[in-house]
């Protein structure tokens, strides 16, 4: 009984927040903190409905970083209700083009100032990345990227796409890895407390004075550090 009730409530909550959010964003469209506001709201209610207990580590370290590229592992659509709890100020995300077609949420995502990318269209992707780099350098914004490019279902972390790291190097801003434990593969929505989700912010990886020739080195450092951290969190949290 708990599982279908949760599914019904989370869909209802998802739609209600998006609908109310659209009205608010029409008053302040594309404000740099819209994404943070609604990320927090989605996480606050969504985690409660789904029975997810979230623990944040090193979150305070985000306060004084300034413009940067946040690189986060991507497990499932439930990530909205988990990672929204650590969405920093003046941060926008990069999402797939098909998000715009989701009723209510797609419009909220756009009005919140987030960026759509069409990975099948190379020229469009280049324009999007160029605009994102400009936001980092001239608009005092940070970019949030699920660098795997698709969901890993809480299993092994997938290889990273280069786009996020190219932006960081071109803008000369740090890459900040944010690791989320493998909560999806350990979640049971039939239980009152379905799962614990650990989120850990890692030290920034500096890119100043680097060139595109260094991109593979930065990607490897970020991927290796995140992989090790996630494995350690999983071991401590889920008793593997």
C-alpha atoms as a PDB file:
ATOM      1  CA  UNK A   1       0.000   0.000   0.000  1.00  0.00           C
ATOM      2  CA  UNK A   2       2.864   2.384   0.771  1.00  0.00           C
ATOM      3  CA  UNK A   3       4.434   2.065  -2.679  1.00  0.00           C
ATOM      4  CA  UNK A   4       1.402   3.138  -4.803  1.00  0.00           C
ATOM      5  CA  UNK A   5       0.607   5.895  -2.294  1.00  0.00           C
ATOM      6  CA  UNK A   6       4.121   7.291  -2.650  1.00  0.00           C
ATOM      7  CA  UNK A   7       3.965   7.133  -6.443  1.00  0.00           C
ATOM      8  CA  UNK A   8       0.673   9.038  -6.443  1.00  0.00           C
ATOM      9  CA  UNK A   9       1.886  11.669  -3.955  1.00  0.00           C
ATOM     10  CA  UNK A  10       5.250  12.261  -5.656  1.00  0.00           C
ATOM     11  CA  UNK A  11       3.592  12.782  -9.057  1.00  0.00           C
ATOM     12  CA  UNK A  12       1.084  15.156  -7.495  1.00  0.00           C
ATOM     13  CA  UNK A  13       3.829  17.056  -5.653  1.00  0.00           C
ATOM     14  CA  UNK A  14       5.964  17.211  -8.814  1.00  0.00           C
ATOM     15  CA  UNK A  15       3.127  18.803 -10.797  1.00  0.00           C
ATOM     16  CA  UNK A  16       1.956  21.164  -8.035  1.00  0.00           C
ATOM     17  CA  UNK A  17       5.425  22.592  -7.387  1.00  0.00           C
ATOM     18  CA  UNK A  18       5.977  23.078 -11.119  1.00  0.00           C
ATOM     19  CA  UNK A  19       2.609  24.802 -11.592  1.00  0.00           C
ATOM     20  CA  UNK A  20       3.105  27.169  -8.652  1.00  0.00           C
ATOM     21  CA  UNK A  21       6.732  27.679  -9.672  1.00  0.00           C
ATOM     22  CA  UNK A  22       5.717  28.832 -13.154  1.00  0.00           C
ATOM     23  CA  UNK A  23       3.548  31.557 -11.640  1.00  0.00           C
ATOM     24  CA  UNK A  24       6.397  32.725  -9.400  1.00  0.00           C
ATOM     25  CA  UNK A  25       8.928  32.631 -12.241  1.00  0.00           C
ATOM     26  CA  UNK A  26       6.649  34.718 -14.441  1.00  0.00           C
ATOM     27  CA  UNK A  27       7.193  37.481 -11.883  1.00  0.00           C
ATOM     28  CA  UNK A  28      10.984  36.968 -11.801  1.00  0.00           C
ATOM     29  CA  UNK A  29      11.878  35.022 -14.976  1.00  0.00           C
ATOM     30  CA  UNK A  30      15.430  33.696 -15.371  1.00  0.00           C
ATOM     31  CA  UNK A  31      16.474  34.956 -11.940  1.00  0.00           C
ATOM     32  CA  UNK A  32      19.835  33.321 -11.046  1.00  0.00           C
ATOM     33  CA  UNK A  33      18.443  31.838  -7.826  1.00  0.00           C
ATOM     34  CA  UNK A  34      15.242  30.320  -9.263  1.00  0.00           C
ATOM     35  CA  UNK A  35      16.867  26.926  -9.749  1.00  0.00           C
ATOM     36  CA  UNK A  36      18.167  26.877  -6.193  1.00  0.00           C
ATOM     37  CA  UNK A  37      14.770  27.787  -4.744  1.00  0.00           C
ATOM     38  CA  UNK A  38      12.858  25.102  -6.549  1.00  0.00           C
ATOM     39  CA  UNK A  39      15.610  22.527  -6.156  1.00  0.00           C
ATOM     40  CA  UNK A  40      15.291  22.972  -2.395  1.00  0.00           C
ATOM     41  CA  UNK A  41      11.492  22.819  -2.492  1.00  0.00           C
ATOM     42  CA  UNK A  42      11.489  19.658  -4.602  1.00  0.00           C
ATOM     43  CA  UNK A  43      14.023  18.036  -2.293  1.00  0.00           C
ATOM     44  CA  UNK A  44      12.278  19.096   0.930  1.00  0.00           C
ATOM     45  CA  UNK A  45       8.924  17.573   0.056  1.00  0.00           C
ATOM     46  CA  UNK A  46      10.076  14.873  -2.336  1.00  0.00           C
ATOM     47  CA  UNK A  47      12.543  13.266   0.063  1.00  0.00           C
ATOM     48  CA  UNK A  48       9.867  13.251   2.780  1.00  0.00           C
ATOM     49  CA  UNK A  49       7.305  11.589   0.522  1.00  0.00           C
ATOM     50  CA  UNK A  50       9.793   8.997  -0.741  1.00  0.00           C
ATOM     51  CA  UNK A  51      11.240   8.288   2.710  1.00  0.00           C
ATOM     52  CA  UNK A  52      14.785   9.285   1.738  1.00  0.00           C
ATOM     53  CA  UNK A  53      17.059  10.440   4.536  1.00  0.00           C
ATOM     54  CA  UNK A  54      19.660  12.843   3.147  1.00  0.00           C
ATOM     55  CA  UNK A  55      22.965  13.610   4.819  1.00  0.00           C
ATOM     56  CA  UNK A  56      25.201  16.387   3.467  1.00  0.00           C
ATOM     57  CA  UNK A  57      28.952  16.481   3.961  1.00  0.00           C
ATOM     58  CA  UNK A  58      31.216  19.528   3.402  1.00  0.00           C
ATOM     59  CA  UNK A  59      28.236  21.545   2.149  1.00  0.00           C
ATOM     60  CA  UNK A  60      29.470  24.740   3.823  1.00  0.00           C
ATOM     61  CA  UNK A  61      32.560  24.637   1.616  1.00  0.00           C
ATOM     62  CA  UNK A  62      30.391  25.827  -1.304  1.00  0.00           C
ATOM     63  CA  UNK A  63      29.818  29.263   0.201  1.00  0.00           C
ATOM     64  CA  UNK A  64      33.008  30.976  -0.945  1.00  0.00           C
ATOM     65  CA  UNK A  65      33.920  29.165  -4.150  1.00  0.00           C
ATOM     66  CA  UNK A  66      32.430  31.637  -6.648  1.00  0.00           C
ATOM     67  CA  UNK A  67      31.613  30.740 -10.263  1.00  0.00           C
ATOM     68  CA  UNK A  68      32.505  27.131 -11.024  1.00  0.00           C
ATOM     69  CA  UNK A  69      31.327  23.976 -12.772  1.00  0.00           C
ATOM     70  CA  UNK A  70      29.696  21.448 -10.452  1.00  0.00           C
ATOM     71  CA  UNK A  71      30.103  17.866 -11.661  1.00  0.00           C
ATOM     72  CA  UNK A  72      27.602  15.413 -10.163  1.00  0.00           C
ATOM     73  CA  UNK A  73      26.977  11.701 -10.717  1.00  0.00           C
ATOM     74  CA  UNK A  74      23.552  10.981 -12.232  1.00  0.00           C
ATOM     75  CA  UNK A  75      21.539   7.957 -11.096  1.00  0.00           C
ATOM     76  CA  UNK A  76      17.841   8.456 -11.749  1.00  0.00           C
ATOM     77  CA  UNK A  77      15.015  10.976 -12.084  1.00  0.00           C
ATOM     78  CA  UNK A  78      14.822  10.791  -8.289  1.00  0.00           C
ATOM     79  CA  UNK A  79      18.048  12.850  -8.260  1.00  0.00           C
ATOM     80  CA  UNK A  80      15.863  15.961  -8.366  1.00  0.00           C
ATOM     81  CA  UNK A  81      14.558  15.138  -4.892  1.00  0.00           C
ATOM     82  CA  UNK A  82      18.030  14.368  -3.525  1.00  0.00           C
ATOM     83  CA  UNK A  83      20.580  16.697  -5.094  1.00  0.00           C
ATOM     84  CA  UNK A  84      18.191  19.651  -5.001  1.00  0.00           C
ATOM     85  CA  UNK A  85      19.069  19.873  -1.301  1.00  0.00           C
ATOM     86  CA  UNK A  86      22.596  21.068  -2.126  1.00  0.00           C
ATOM     87  CA  UNK A  87      21.885  23.334  -5.090  1.00  0.00           C
ATOM     88  CA  UNK A  88      24.133  26.395  -4.552  1.00  0.00           C
ATOM     89  CA  UNK A  89      23.299  30.056  -5.104  1.00  0.00           C
ATOM     90  CA  UNK A  90      23.436  31.534  -8.613  1.00  0.00           C
ATOM     91  CA  UNK A  91      23.598  28.109 -10.242  1.00  0.00           C
ATOM     92  CA  UNK A  92      21.868  26.851 -13.362  1.00  0.00           C
ATOM     93  CA  UNK A  93      21.852  23.363 -14.795  1.00  0.00           C
ATOM     94  CA  UNK A  94      22.305  21.916 -18.271  1.00  0.00           C
ATOM     95  CA  UNK A  95      19.570  19.478 -19.273  1.00  0.00           C
ATOM     96  CA  UNK A  96      18.535  17.500 -22.328  1.00  0.00           C
ATOM     97  CA  UNK A  97      16.338  19.215 -24.903  1.00  0.00           C
ATOM     98  CA  UNK A  98      13.441  16.812 -24.364  1.00  0.00           C
ATOM     99  CA  UNK A  99      12.929  18.192 -20.836  1.00  0.00           C
ATOM    100  CA  UNK A 100      11.161  21.182 -22.361  1.00  0.00           C
ATOM    101  CA  UNK A 101       8.292  18.924 -23.454  1.00  0.00           C
ATOM    102  CA  UNK A 102       7.442  17.780 -19.905  1.00  0.00           C
ATOM    103  CA  UNK A 103       4.155  19.451 -18.942  1.00  0.00           C
ATOM    104  CA  UNK A 104       4.650  22.146 -16.302  1.00  0.00           C
ATOM    105  CA  UNK A 105       8.168  21.068 -15.331  1.00  0.00           C
ATOM    106  CA  UNK A 106       9.627  21.887 -18.729  1.00  0.00           C
ATOM    107  CA  UNK A 107       8.276  25.419 -18.517  1.00  0.00           C
ATOM    108  CA  UNK A 108       9.514  25.804 -14.939  1.00  0.00           C
ATOM    109  CA  UNK A 109      12.942  24.527 -15.956  1.00  0.00           C
ATOM    110  CA  UNK A 110      13.156  27.111 -18.745  1.00  0.00           C
ATOM    111  CA  UNK A 111      11.817  30.034 -16.689  1.00  0.00           C
ATOM    112  CA  UNK A 112      14.278  29.174 -13.919  1.00  0.00           C
ATOM    113  CA  UNK A 113      17.080  30.048 -16.308  1.00  0.00           C
ATOM    114  CA  UNK A 114      18.394  26.545 -16.933  1.00  0.00           C
ATOM    115  CA  UNK A 115      19.986  25.598 -20.243  1.00  0.00           C
ATOM    116  CA  UNK A 116      18.746  23.065 -22.797  1.00  0.00           C
ATOM    117  CA  UNK A 117      21.233  21.148 -24.915  1.00  0.00           C
ATOM    118  CA  UNK A 118      20.689  19.031 -28.015  1.00  0.00           C
ATOM    119  CA  UNK A 119      23.552  16.532 -28.044  1.00  0.00           C
ATOM    120  CA  UNK A 120      22.471  15.203 -31.443  1.00  0.00           C
ATOM    121  CA  UNK A 121      23.058  18.624 -32.983  1.00  0.00           C
ATOM    122  CA  UNK A 122      26.750  19.484 -32.743  1.00  0.00           C
ATOM    123  CA  UNK A 123      26.355  23.110 -33.835  1.00  0.00           C
ATOM    124  CA  UNK A 124      23.583  23.655 -31.277  1.00  0.00           C
ATOM    125  CA  UNK A 125      25.704  22.023 -28.570  1.00  0.00           C
ATOM    126  CA  UNK A 126      28.618  24.331 -29.345  1.00  0.00           C
ATOM    127  CA  UNK A 127      26.395  27.407 -29.097  1.00  0.00           C
ATOM    128  CA  UNK A 128      24.988  26.162 -25.791  1.00  0.00           C
ATOM    129  CA  UNK A 129      28.437  25.500 -24.350  1.00  0.00           C
ATOM    130  CA  UNK A 130      29.627  28.917 -25.514  1.00  0.00           C
ATOM    131  CA  UNK A 131      26.685  30.595 -23.775  1.00  0.00           C
ATOM    132  CA  UNK A 132      27.373  28.564 -20.630  1.00  0.00           C
ATOM    133  CA  UNK A 133      31.024  29.609 -20.631  1.00  0.00           C
ATOM    134  CA  UNK A 134      29.936  33.240 -20.995  1.00  0.00           C
ATOM    135  CA  UNK A 135      27.623  32.839 -17.993  1.00  0.00           C
ATOM    136  CA  UNK A 136      30.593  31.639 -15.951  1.00  0.00           C
ATOM    137  CA  UNK A 137      32.861  34.498 -16.965  1.00  0.00           C
ATOM    138  CA  UNK A 138      30.550  37.516 -17.239  1.00  0.00           C
ATOM    139  CA  UNK A 139      27.347  36.771 -15.301  1.00  0.00           C
ATOM    140  CA  UNK A 140      28.794  35.402 -12.043  1.00  0.00           C
ATOM    141  CA  UNK A 141      26.867  32.149 -12.429  1.00  0.00           C
ATOM    142  CA  UNK A 142      27.867  28.552 -11.823  1.00  0.00           C
ATOM    143  CA  UNK A 143      26.893  25.573 -13.990  1.00  0.00           C
ATOM    144  CA  UNK A 144      25.602  22.251 -12.627  1.00  0.00           C
ATOM    145  CA  UNK A 145      26.296  19.284 -14.914  1.00  0.00           C
ATOM    146  CA  UNK A 146      25.543  15.557 -14.750  1.00  0.00           C
ATOM    147  CA  UNK A 147      28.745  14.818 -16.649  1.00  0.00           C
ATOM    148  CA  UNK A 148      27.897  11.190 -17.451  1.00  0.00           C
ATOM    149  CA  UNK A 149      25.245  12.489 -19.829  1.00  0.00           C
ATOM    150  CA  UNK A 150      22.707   9.832 -18.822  1.00  0.00           C
ATOM    151  CA  UNK A 151      21.499   7.905 -15.771  1.00  0.00           C
ATOM    152  CA  UNK A 152      23.639   5.105 -14.378  1.00  0.00           C
ATOM    153  CA  UNK A 153      20.783   3.569 -12.310  1.00  0.00           C
ATOM    154  CA  UNK A 154      22.939   3.584  -9.171  1.00  0.00           C
ATOM    155  CA  UNK A 155      25.407   1.121 -10.650  1.00  0.00           C
ATOM    156  CA  UNK A 156      28.913   1.833 -11.896  1.00  0.00           C
ATOM    157  CA  UNK A 157      29.624   5.474 -12.689  1.00  0.00           C
ATOM    158  CA  UNK A 158      29.754   6.011 -16.449  1.00  0.00           C
ATOM    159  CA  UNK A 159      32.532   7.811 -18.365  1.00  0.00           C
ATOM    160  CA  UNK A 160      32.300  11.607 -18.305  1.00  0.00           C
ATOM    161  CA  UNK A 161      31.489  13.743 -21.331  1.00  0.00           C
ATOM    162  CA  UNK A 162      34.017  16.479 -22.074  1.00  0.00           C
ATOM    163  CA  UNK A 163      31.649  19.457 -22.237  1.00  0.00           C
ATOM    164  CA  UNK A 164      31.643  20.391 -18.549  1.00  0.00           C
ATOM    165  CA  UNK A 165      35.419  20.301 -18.325  1.00  0.00           C
ATOM    166  CA  UNK A 166      35.883  22.248 -21.544  1.00  0.00           C
ATOM    167  CA  UNK A 167      33.677  25.012 -20.127  1.00  0.00           C
ATOM    168  CA  UNK A 168      35.637  25.111 -16.877  1.00  0.00           C
ATOM    169  CA  UNK A 169      39.018  25.291 -18.602  1.00  0.00           C
ATOM    170  CA  UNK A 170      37.917  27.945 -21.086  1.00  0.00           C
ATOM    171  CA  UNK A 171      36.425  30.075 -18.294  1.00  0.00           C
ATOM    172  CA  UNK A 172      39.339  29.405 -15.926  1.00  0.00           C
ATOM    173  CA  UNK A 173      36.983  28.363 -13.110  1.00  0.00           C
ATOM    174  CA  UNK A 174      37.312  25.327 -10.843  1.00  0.00           C
ATOM    175  CA  UNK A 175      35.539  22.011 -11.246  1.00  0.00           C
ATOM    176  CA  UNK A 176      33.767  21.045  -8.019  1.00  0.00           C
ATOM    177  CA  UNK A 177      32.896  17.323  -7.753  1.00  0.00           C
ATOM    178  CA  UNK A 178      29.719  16.480  -5.815  1.00  0.00           C
ATOM    179  CA  UNK A 179      29.284  12.786  -5.012  1.00  0.00           C
ATOM    180  CA  UNK A 180      26.009  11.051  -4.211  1.00  0.00           C
ATOM    181  CA  UNK A 181      25.983   7.547  -2.728  1.00  0.00           C
ATOM    182  CA  UNK A 182      24.295   4.771  -4.735  1.00  0.00           C
ATOM    183  CA  UNK A 183      20.900   5.306  -3.126  1.00  0.00           C
ATOM    184  CA  UNK A 184      18.841   4.215  -6.146  1.00  0.00           C
ATOM    185  CA  UNK A 185      20.108   0.637  -6.195  1.00  0.00           C
ATOM    186  CA  UNK A 186      19.496   0.394  -2.426  1.00  0.00           C
ATOM    187  CA  UNK A 187      16.070   2.051  -2.283  1.00  0.00           C
ATOM    188  CA  UNK A 188      12.910   0.175  -1.318  1.00  0.00           C
ATOM    189  CA  UNK A 189       9.822   2.359  -1.567  1.00  0.00           C
ATOM    190  CA  UNK A 190       7.795  -0.256   0.301  1.00  0.00           C
ATOM    191  CA  UNK A 191       9.681   0.579   3.508  1.00  0.00           C
ATOM    192  CA  UNK A 192       8.843   3.579   5.686  1.00  0.00           C
ATOM    193  CA  UNK A 193      12.461   4.748   5.491  1.00  0.00           C
ATOM    194  CA  UNK A 194      13.264   3.752   1.949  1.00  0.00           C
ATOM    195  CA  UNK A 195      16.984   4.597   1.869  1.00  0.00           C
ATOM    196  CA  UNK A 196      19.790   6.859   3.070  1.00  0.00           C
ATOM    197  CA  UNK A 197      21.449   9.168   0.574  1.00  0.00           C
ATOM    198  CA  UNK A 198      24.877  10.587   1.371  1.00  0.00           C
ATOM    199  CA  UNK A 199      26.047  13.689  -0.500  1.00  0.00           C
ATOM    200  CA  UNK A 200      29.658  14.804  -0.275  1.00  0.00           C
ATOM    201  CA  UNK A 201      31.227  17.931  -1.737  1.00  0.00           C
ATOM    202  CA  UNK A 202      34.872  17.391  -2.714  1.00  0.00           C
ATOM    203  CA  UNK A 203      37.646  20.019  -2.918  1.00  0.00           C
ATOM    204  CA  UNK A 204      37.704  22.083  -6.130  1.00  0.00           C
ATOM    205  CA  UNK A 205      39.938  21.023  -9.004  1.00  0.00           C
ATOM    206  CA  UNK A 206      41.639  24.171 -10.267  1.00  0.00           C
ATOM    207  CA  UNK A 207      41.767  24.841 -13.997  1.00  0.00           C
ATOM    208  CA  UNK A 208      43.397  28.278 -14.162  1.00  0.00           C
ATOM    209  CA  UNK A 209      46.382  28.345 -16.517  1.00  0.00           C
ATOM    210  CA  UNK A 210      45.268  25.043 -18.063  1.00  0.00           C
ATOM    211  CA  UNK A 211      44.490  24.541 -21.746  1.00  0.00           C
ATOM    212  CA  UNK A 212      42.245  22.199 -23.695  1.00  0.00           C
ATOM    213  CA  UNK A 213      45.265  19.893 -23.981  1.00  0.00           C
ATOM    214  CA  UNK A 214      44.843  19.241 -20.235  1.00  0.00           C
ATOM    215  CA  UNK A 215      41.204  18.213 -20.451  1.00  0.00           C
ATOM    216  CA  UNK A 216      41.783  14.444 -20.263  1.00  0.00           C
ATOM    217  CA  UNK A 217      43.925  14.892 -17.148  1.00  0.00           C
ATOM    218  CA  UNK A 218      41.228  16.940 -15.418  1.00  0.00           C
ATOM    219  CA  UNK A 219      38.509  14.448 -16.395  1.00  0.00           C
ATOM    220  CA  UNK A 220      40.538  11.531 -15.065  1.00  0.00           C
ATOM    221  CA  UNK A 221      41.310  13.278 -11.786  1.00  0.00           C
ATOM    222  CA  UNK A 222      37.649  14.156 -11.280  1.00  0.00           C
ATOM    223  CA  UNK A 223      36.298  10.722 -12.286  1.00  0.00           C
ATOM    224  CA  UNK A 224      38.826   8.773 -10.220  1.00  0.00           C
ATOM    225  CA  UNK A 225      38.257  10.909  -7.115  1.00  0.00           C
ATOM    226  CA  UNK A 226      34.485  10.680  -7.381  1.00  0.00           C
ATOM    227  CA  UNK A 227      34.539   6.944  -8.044  1.00  0.00           C
ATOM    228  CA  UNK A 228      36.700   6.300  -4.972  1.00  0.00           C
ATOM    229  CA  UNK A 229      34.561   8.569  -2.801  1.00  0.00           C
ATOM    230  CA  UNK A 230      31.262   7.003  -3.895  1.00  0.00           C
ATOM    231  CA  UNK A 231      32.588   3.491  -3.308  1.00  0.00           C
ATOM    232  CA  UNK A 232      33.694   4.481   0.197  1.00  0.00           C
ATOM    233  CA  UNK A 233      30.342   6.120   0.989  1.00  0.00           C
ATOM    234  CA  UNK A 234      28.495   3.035  -0.286  1.00  0.00           C
ATOM    235  CA  UNK A 235      30.627   0.752   1.854  1.00  0.00           C
ATOM    236  CA  UNK A 236      29.958   2.815   4.980  1.00  0.00           C
ATOM    237  CA  UNK A 237      26.271   3.448   4.285  1.00  0.00           C
ATOM    238  CA  UNK A 238      24.973   0.201   2.830  1.00  0.00           C
ATOM    239  CA  UNK A 239      27.315  -2.270   4.562  1.00  0.00           C
ATOM    240  CA  UNK A 240      28.557  -4.016   1.397  1.00  0.00           C
END
